[in-house]
C-alpha atoms as a PDB file:
ATOM      1  CA  UNK A   1       0.000   0.000   0.000  1.00  0.00           C
ATOM      2  CA  UNK A   2       1.411   3.384  -0.957  1.00  0.00           C
ATOM      3  CA  UNK A   3       1.092   6.153   1.603  1.00  0.00           C
ATOM      4  CA  UNK A   4       0.879   9.648   0.198  1.00  0.00           C
ATOM      5  CA  UNK A   5       3.170  12.142   1.911  1.00  0.00           C
ATOM      6  CA  UNK A   6       2.248  15.781   2.235  1.00  0.00           C
ATOM      7  CA  UNK A   7       4.818  18.367   1.269  1.00  0.00           C
ATOM      8  CA  UNK A   8       6.139  20.660   3.993  1.00  0.00           C
ATOM      9  CA  UNK A   9       3.957  23.479   2.707  1.00  0.00           C
ATOM     10  CA  UNK A  10       0.842  21.336   2.809  1.00  0.00           C
ATOM     11  CA  UNK A  11       1.690  20.184   6.358  1.00  0.00           C
ATOM     12  CA  UNK A  12       2.096  23.788   7.445  1.00  0.00           C
ATOM     13  CA  UNK A  13      -1.246  24.637   5.933  1.00  0.00           C
ATOM     14  CA  UNK A  14      -2.702  21.486   7.463  1.00  0.00           C
ATOM     15  CA  UNK A  15      -1.478  22.515  10.915  1.00  0.00           C
ATOM     16  CA  UNK A  16      -3.124  25.903  10.526  1.00  0.00           C
ATOM     17  CA  UNK A  17      -6.322  24.315   9.181  1.00  0.00           C
ATOM     18  CA  UNK A  18      -6.359  21.843  12.059  1.00  0.00           C
ATOM     19  CA  UNK A  19      -6.014  24.765  14.452  1.00  0.00           C
ATOM     20  CA  UNK A  20      -9.023  26.430  12.910  1.00  0.00           C
ATOM     21  CA  UNK A  21     -11.032  23.222  13.221  1.00  0.00           C
ATOM     22  CA  UNK A  22     -10.044  22.634  16.842  1.00  0.00           C
ATOM     23  CA  UNK A  23     -11.724  25.695  18.249  1.00  0.00           C
ATOM     24  CA  UNK A  24     -14.348  24.467  20.697  1.00  0.00           C
ATOM     25  CA  UNK A  25     -14.041  20.706  20.066  1.00  0.00           C
ATOM     26  CA  UNK A  26     -14.698  18.141  22.752  1.00  0.00           C
ATOM     27  CA  UNK A  27     -14.132  14.450  23.370  1.00  0.00           C
ATOM     28  CA  UNK A  28     -14.414  11.840  26.081  1.00  0.00           C
ATOM     29  CA  UNK A  29     -12.331   8.864  27.111  1.00  0.00           C
ATOM     30  CA  UNK A  30     -13.033   5.999  29.489  1.00  0.00           C
ATOM     31  CA  UNK A  31     -10.173   5.071  31.785  1.00  0.00           C
ATOM     32  CA  UNK A  32      -9.298   2.036  33.895  1.00  0.00           C
ATOM     33  CA  UNK A  33     -10.378   1.073  37.395  1.00  0.00           C
ATOM     34  CA  UNK A  34      -8.129   3.427  39.358  1.00  0.00           C
ATOM     35  CA  UNK A  35      -8.613   7.136  40.034  1.00  0.00           C
ATOM     36  CA  UNK A  36      -9.700   8.785  36.794  1.00  0.00           C
ATOM     37  CA  UNK A  37      -6.463   9.646  34.987  1.00  0.00           C
ATOM     38  CA  UNK A  38      -5.532   9.484  31.347  1.00  0.00           C
ATOM     39  CA  UNK A  39      -1.922   8.770  30.412  1.00  0.00           C
ATOM     40  CA  UNK A  40      -0.130  11.261  28.194  1.00  0.00           C
ATOM     41  CA  UNK A  41       0.183   8.648  25.421  1.00  0.00           C
ATOM     42  CA  UNK A  42      -3.532   7.779  25.486  1.00  0.00           C
ATOM     43  CA  UNK A  43      -4.480  11.451  25.517  1.00  0.00           C
ATOM     44  CA  UNK A  44      -2.217  12.129  22.517  1.00  0.00           C
ATOM     45  CA  UNK A  45      -3.698   9.139  20.654  1.00  0.00           C
ATOM     46  CA  UNK A  46      -7.245  10.260  21.468  1.00  0.00           C
ATOM     47  CA  UNK A  47      -6.550  13.774  20.175  1.00  0.00           C
ATOM     48  CA  UNK A  48      -4.843  12.444  17.031  1.00  0.00           C
ATOM     49  CA  UNK A  49      -7.800  10.144  16.292  1.00  0.00           C
ATOM     50  CA  UNK A  50     -10.288  12.978  16.809  1.00  0.00           C
ATOM     51  CA  UNK A  51      -8.313  15.306  14.530  1.00  0.00           C
ATOM     52  CA  UNK A  52      -7.941  12.703  11.801  1.00  0.00           C
ATOM     53  CA  UNK A  53     -11.674  11.991  11.790  1.00  0.00           C
ATOM     54  CA  UNK A  54     -12.572  15.707  11.918  1.00  0.00           C
ATOM     55  CA  UNK A  55     -10.178  16.899   9.208  1.00  0.00           C
ATOM     56  CA  UNK A  56     -10.006  13.866   6.914  1.00  0.00           C
ATOM     57  CA  UNK A  57      -6.189  14.121   7.139  1.00  0.00           C
ATOM     58  CA  UNK A  58      -3.799  11.420   8.356  1.00  0.00           C
ATOM     59  CA  UNK A  59      -3.320  11.170  12.132  1.00  0.00           C
ATOM     60  CA  UNK A  60      -1.098  14.066  13.178  1.00  0.00           C
ATOM     61  CA  UNK A  61       1.953  13.741  15.414  1.00  0.00           C
ATOM     62  CA  UNK A  62       0.772  14.877  18.852  1.00  0.00           C
ATOM     63  CA  UNK A  63       2.637  14.725  22.152  1.00  0.00           C
ATOM     64  CA  UNK A  64       1.268  15.452  25.606  1.00  0.00           C
ATOM     65  CA  UNK A  65       3.758  15.954  28.452  1.00  0.00           C
ATOM     66  CA  UNK A  66       1.702  14.769  31.410  1.00  0.00           C
ATOM     67  CA  UNK A  67      -1.136  12.631  32.702  1.00  0.00           C
ATOM     68  CA  UNK A  68      -4.583  14.240  32.499  1.00  0.00           C
ATOM     69  CA  UNK A  69      -6.238  14.005  35.919  1.00  0.00           C
ATOM     70  CA  UNK A  70     -10.016  13.571  35.853  1.00  0.00           C
ATOM     71  CA  UNK A  71     -10.893  16.686  37.827  1.00  0.00           C
ATOM     72  CA  UNK A  72     -13.127  19.379  36.323  1.00  0.00           C
ATOM     73  CA  UNK A  73     -11.069  22.357  35.221  1.00  0.00           C
ATOM     74  CA  UNK A  74      -7.754  20.479  35.006  1.00  0.00           C
ATOM     75  CA  UNK A  75      -5.752  21.623  31.979  1.00  0.00           C
ATOM     76  CA  UNK A  76      -2.757  20.316  30.094  1.00  0.00           C
ATOM     77  CA  UNK A  77      -0.968  21.457  26.957  1.00  0.00           C
ATOM     78  CA  UNK A  78      -0.204  19.137  24.074  1.00  0.00           C
ATOM     79  CA  UNK A  79       1.782  19.852  20.920  1.00  0.00           C
ATOM     80  CA  UNK A  80       0.926  19.004  17.323  1.00  0.00           C
ATOM     81  CA  UNK A  81       4.045  18.827  15.147  1.00  0.00           C
ATOM     82  CA  UNK A  82       3.657  19.241  11.392  1.00  0.00           C
ATOM     83  CA  UNK A  83       5.857  17.563   8.798  1.00  0.00           C
ATOM     84  CA  UNK A  84       7.877  20.754   8.304  1.00  0.00           C
ATOM     85  CA  UNK A  85       8.672  20.937  12.026  1.00  0.00           C
ATOM     86  CA  UNK A  86       6.256  23.749  12.833  1.00  0.00           C
ATOM     87  CA  UNK A  87       4.207  23.213  15.987  1.00  0.00           C
ATOM     88  CA  UNK A  88       0.745  24.084  17.174  1.00  0.00           C
ATOM     89  CA  UNK A  89      -0.161  24.095  20.856  1.00  0.00           C
ATOM     90  CA  UNK A  90      -3.385  22.411  21.969  1.00  0.00           C
ATOM     91  CA  UNK A  91      -4.986  23.111  25.360  1.00  0.00           C
ATOM     92  CA  UNK A  92      -7.018  20.259  26.846  1.00  0.00           C
ATOM     93  CA  UNK A  93      -9.484  21.056  29.657  1.00  0.00           C
ATOM     94  CA  UNK A  94     -11.486  18.500  31.655  1.00  0.00           C
ATOM     95  CA  UNK A  95     -15.181  19.471  31.471  1.00  0.00           C
ATOM     96  CA  UNK A  96     -16.722  16.607  33.441  1.00  0.00           C
ATOM     97  CA  UNK A  97     -16.030  13.194  34.903  1.00  0.00           C
ATOM     98  CA  UNK A  98     -18.644  10.436  34.850  1.00  0.00           C
ATOM     99  CA  UNK A  99     -17.322   7.535  36.914  1.00  0.00           C
ATOM    100  CA  UNK A 100     -14.156   6.540  35.061  1.00  0.00           C
ATOM    101  CA  UNK A 101     -14.952   8.538  31.911  1.00  0.00           C
ATOM    102  CA  UNK A 102     -13.128  11.843  31.463  1.00  0.00           C
ATOM    103  CA  UNK A 103     -14.820  14.346  29.158  1.00  0.00           C
ATOM    104  CA  UNK A 104     -12.708  17.179  27.844  1.00  0.00           C
ATOM    105  CA  UNK A 105     -12.664  20.098  25.423  1.00  0.00           C
ATOM    106  CA  UNK A 106      -9.619  20.985  23.390  1.00  0.00           C
ATOM    107  CA  UNK A 107      -8.605  24.112  21.562  1.00  0.00           C
ATOM    108  CA  UNK A 108      -5.596  24.802  19.372  1.00  0.00           C
ATOM    109  CA  UNK A 109      -3.589  27.984  19.406  1.00  0.00           C
ATOM    110  CA  UNK A 110      -4.509  30.366  16.606  1.00  0.00           C
ATOM    111  CA  UNK A 111      -0.949  30.542  15.237  1.00  0.00           C
ATOM    112  CA  UNK A 112       1.579  27.803  14.581  1.00  0.00           C
ATOM    113  CA  UNK A 113       5.176  28.238  15.718  1.00  0.00           C
ATOM    114  CA  UNK A 114       7.681  27.874  12.861  1.00  0.00           C
ATOM    115  CA  UNK A 115      10.326  25.182  12.747  1.00  0.00           C
ATOM    116  CA  UNK A 116      13.200  26.373  14.998  1.00  0.00           C
ATOM    117  CA  UNK A 117      15.832  25.231  12.456  1.00  0.00           C
END
């Protein structure tokens, strides 16, 4: 199977387009039996899946630095990295917790940061 690769310019535009689409989005994730927490890897995967389904683009490269604790109002910052190395910050905020399910909203920064190189 051949996988199409986006040029650096398209990835930059994709990062900006993703940012525009992320304004006011929400999602929810069920977690295990312990205190409601979502690992940084699972949060990043959840965001990437949501973005891919929303934009029709391939799953973006997203990293989240910390566990998301299931407490209303808790925030964390994740980073979407485009193919050209530019980045877009994404703020994740817990909106509610239903048992072991963490519901959250996420919003991307309005402007991408250019590749530092």
